[in-house]
Protein backbone atom coordinates (compact mmCIF):
# COMPACT_ATOMS: atom_id res chain seq x y z
CA MET A 1 0.00 0.00 0.00
CA THR A 2 1.32 3.44 -0.96
CA LYS A 3 0.95 6.31 1.47
CA LEU A 4 1.06 9.95 0.41
CA PRO A 5 3.28 12.35 2.35
CA LEU A 6 0.48 14.25 4.08
CA PRO A 7 0.13 16.87 5.26
CA THR A 8 1.84 18.79 2.49
CA THR A 9 1.80 22.50 1.76
CA THR A 10 1.70 24.79 -1.24
CA GLU A 11 2.21 28.54 -1.31
CA ARG A 12 -1.14 29.18 0.41
CA LEU A 13 -2.65 25.80 1.23
CA THR A 14 -2.25 22.75 3.44
CA LEU A 15 -3.40 19.43 2.05
CA ARG A 16 -4.13 16.79 4.68
CA GLN A 17 -6.29 13.82 5.57
CA PHE A 18 -9.81 14.55 6.71
CA THR A 19 -10.49 14.31 10.45
CA PRO A 20 -13.75 13.65 12.32
CA GLY A 21 -13.84 17.35 13.24
CA ASP A 22 -14.31 18.34 9.57
CA LEU A 23 -18.01 17.40 9.43
CA ASP A 24 -19.42 20.95 9.47
CA ASP A 25 -17.03 22.10 6.72
CA LEU A 26 -17.68 19.02 4.57
CA TYR A 27 -21.45 19.36 4.93
CA ALA A 28 -21.24 23.10 4.15
CA TYR A 29 -20.35 22.40 0.51
CA GLN A 30 -21.43 18.78 -0.10
CA SER A 31 -25.02 19.74 0.79
CA LEU A 32 -25.25 22.49 -1.83
CA PRO A 33 -27.30 21.87 -5.00
CA GLU A 34 -24.88 24.01 -7.04
CA VAL A 35 -22.01 21.72 -6.00
CA ALA A 36 -23.89 18.46 -6.62
CA ARG A 37 -25.23 19.50 -10.04
CA TYR A 38 -21.99 18.50 -11.80
CA LEU A 39 -21.52 15.32 -9.77
CA TYR A 40 -24.60 13.54 -11.17
CA ARG A 41 -26.01 12.96 -7.71
CA PRO A 42 -28.18 14.85 -5.25
CA PRO A 43 -26.64 16.98 -2.49
CA LEU A 44 -25.48 14.93 0.49
CA THR A 45 -27.31 14.91 3.80
CA ARG A 46 -25.46 15.55 7.05
CA GLU A 47 -25.70 11.82 7.82
CA GLN A 48 -24.19 10.92 4.43
CA CYS A 49 -21.37 13.40 5.06
CA ALA A 50 -20.72 11.82 8.48
CA GLU A 51 -20.55 8.35 6.89
CA SER A 52 -18.24 9.65 4.17
CA LEU A 53 -16.05 11.35 6.75
CA THR A 54 -15.53 8.11 8.66
CA ARG A 55 -14.10 6.53 5.50
CA ARG A 56 -12.08 9.63 4.58
CA ALA A 57 -10.46 9.88 8.03
CA ALA A 58 -9.24 6.25 7.95
CA ASP A 59 -5.90 5.31 6.44
CA PRO A 60 -6.75 4.95 2.74
CA ALA A 61 -5.76 1.95 0.65
CA TRP A 62 -4.03 2.44 -2.70
CA ALA A 63 -3.54 -0.99 -4.14
CA GLU A 64 -6.57 -2.09 -6.18
CA ASP A 65 -8.65 -0.61 -8.98
CA GLY A 66 -11.26 1.70 -7.44
CA ASP A 67 -9.23 2.66 -4.36
CA ASP A 68 -9.29 6.38 -3.73
CA LEU A 69 -7.59 9.06 -1.69
CA VAL A 70 -9.66 12.06 -0.63
CA ILE A 71 -7.53 14.99 0.49
CA ALA A 72 -8.82 17.93 2.53
CA VAL A 73 -7.70 21.40 1.42
CA CYS A 74 -7.27 24.20 3.98
CA ARG A 75 -5.59 27.58 3.97
CA THR A 76 -2.26 27.20 5.73
CA GLY A 77 -2.61 28.03 9.41
CA GLU A 78 -6.39 27.56 9.37
CA ALA A 79 -8.49 24.50 10.15
CA THR A 80 -11.47 25.26 7.87
CA VAL A 81 -11.76 22.84 4.94
CA LEU A 82 -12.22 24.78 1.68
CA GLY A 83 -12.73 21.70 -0.43
CA GLU A 84 -11.14 18.45 -1.48
CA VAL A 85 -9.08 16.82 -4.17
CA VAL A 86 -9.71 13.16 -4.97
CA LEU A 87 -7.42 10.62 -6.60
CA LYS A 88 -8.95 7.35 -7.76
CA LEU A 89 -6.93 4.36 -8.91
CA ALA A 90 -8.63 3.62 -12.23
CA SER A 91 -6.21 0.92 -13.42
CA THR A 92 -3.42 -0.61 -11.37
CA ARG A 93 -1.88 -2.38 -14.36
CA ALA A 94 -1.94 0.68 -16.66
CA ARG A 95 -1.10 3.09 -13.79
CA GLN A 96 -4.06 5.33 -14.61
CA THR A 97 -5.36 7.72 -11.99
CA GLU A 98 -8.46 9.87 -12.05
CA ILE A 99 -8.29 13.29 -10.36
CA GLY A 100 -11.21 15.41 -9.27
CA TRP A 101 -11.94 18.33 -6.97
CA ILE A 102 -14.90 19.74 -5.11
CA PHE A 103 -14.71 23.15 -3.44
CA ASN A 104 -17.05 25.25 -1.38
CA PRO A 105 -18.26 28.02 -3.75
CA ALA A 106 -17.71 30.52 -0.92
CA TYR A 107 -13.98 30.18 -1.67
CA GLY A 108 -14.27 30.21 -5.47
CA GLY A 109 -12.38 32.45 -7.85
CA ARG A 110 -9.17 32.55 -5.81
CA GLY A 111 -7.21 29.79 -7.56
CA TYR A 112 -7.43 27.35 -4.65
CA ALA A 113 -8.67 24.46 -6.81
CA THR A 114 -5.85 24.92 -9.31
CA GLU A 115 -3.20 25.26 -6.60
CA ALA A 116 -4.42 22.17 -4.75
CA ALA A 117 -4.91 20.10 -7.91
CA LEU A 118 -1.38 20.96 -9.09
CA ALA A 119 0.07 19.72 -5.81
CA VAL A 120 -2.01 16.53 -5.83
CA ALA A 121 -1.21 15.84 -9.49
CA GLU A 122 2.49 16.14 -8.64
CA LEU A 123 1.99 13.62 -5.82
CA ALA A 124 0.17 11.27 -8.21
CA PHE A 125 3.09 11.25 -10.62
CA ALA A 126 5.97 11.42 -8.12
CA GLU A 127 4.66 9.30 -5.26
CA LEU A 128 2.06 6.97 -6.77
CA GLY A 129 3.78 6.18 -10.07
CA THR A 130 0.89 7.40 -12.21
CA HIS A 131 1.43 7.07 -15.97
CA ARG A 132 -1.78 8.81 -17.10
CA LEU A 133 -3.77 11.30 -15.02
CA PHE A 134 -7.27 12.11 -16.22
CA ALA A 135 -10.32 14.08 -15.15
CA ARG A 136 -13.96 13.51 -16.13
CA LEU A 137 -16.33 16.46 -15.92
CA ASP A 138 -19.65 17.77 -17.12
CA ALA A 139 -19.22 19.91 -20.22
CA LEU A 140 -21.14 22.72 -18.49
CA ASN A 141 -18.58 22.80 -15.68
CA THR A 142 -16.36 25.45 -17.24
CA GLY A 143 -14.60 26.16 -13.94
CA SER A 144 -13.25 22.61 -13.77
CA ALA A 145 -12.40 22.64 -17.48
CA ASN A 146 -10.30 25.75 -16.81
CA VAL A 147 -8.53 23.98 -13.94
CA CYS A 148 -7.75 21.04 -16.25
CA GLU A 149 -6.26 23.39 -18.82
CA ARG A 150 -4.18 25.20 -16.18
CA LEU A 151 -2.85 21.78 -15.16
CA GLY A 152 -1.69 21.26 -18.75
CA MET A 153 -4.26 18.57 -19.50
CA ARG A 154 -5.75 18.21 -22.97
CA GLN A 155 -9.33 17.36 -23.79
CA GLU A 156 -9.30 13.79 -25.11
CA ALA A 157 -13.00 13.01 -25.35
CA ARG A 158 -16.45 14.57 -25.39
CA LEU A 159 -19.15 12.01 -24.62
CA ILE A 160 -22.45 13.47 -25.77
CA GLU A 161 -25.40 12.92 -23.42
CA SER A 162 -23.56 10.17 -21.54
CA HIS A 163 -25.07 10.80 -18.07
CA LEU A 164 -28.61 11.33 -16.91
CA ASP A 165 -28.89 13.94 -14.18
CA GLY A 166 -32.52 13.86 -13.11
CA ASP A 167 -34.20 14.67 -16.40
CA ARG A 168 -31.18 16.44 -17.97
CA TRP A 169 -28.73 14.60 -20.19
CA GLY A 170 -25.17 15.57 -19.34
CA THR A 171 -22.27 15.62 -21.74
CA GLU A 172 -19.00 14.46 -20.23
CA CYS A 173 -15.53 15.73 -21.17
CA VAL A 174 -12.36 13.77 -20.42
CA TYR A 175 -9.07 15.64 -19.94
CA ALA A 176 -5.70 13.93 -19.45
CA THR A 177 -1.95 14.25 -19.33
CA LEU A 178 0.83 11.66 -19.33
CA SER A 179 3.74 11.41 -16.92
CA HIS A 180 6.36 12.45 -19.49
CA GLU A 181 4.18 15.41 -20.57
CA TRP A 182 3.77 16.48 -16.95
CA LYS A 183 7.53 16.37 -16.38
CA ALA A 184 8.22 18.29 -19.62
CA ASN A 185 5.70 21.00 -18.68
CA ARG A 186 7.26 21.41 -15.22
CA SER A 187 10.83 21.89 -16.45
């Protein structure tokens, strides 16, 4: 099992494991309809957030397809969780990792998602041995598309009406970058 070196810091942020004390912060954004609308699920209840937090606060596994790491993002020196970045082991054999992020809209427009995602992407390549890092997002989620582009990811696919969100068909975009491209872009 691989373990990420957490907590880790960026210029403005601390990335760490979730703790049981993060319930109010997690519920503050996971319960919002405007957050859930691009996740193809309803907003989470407080009880669902508490259940999720129990799993997030445990030592995560990273060995089998489907294992994930959910990382809390805070401003350095503050305990409030602004959002999260998720890594999911999509294919152990092909070393493919999915990345995603969810942030409280109250902290939007400040570059926190990009800063955190850059740090987590670096950990995916350097610490987890990722060959291909990809993100899947709703085509209407222009904020996340912008984060993907700032990470140096390219759009590889556009899956027309591939998800049903209530009565709305969602179009999914897939962005990705390879390990050697990541290294070249960082030098």
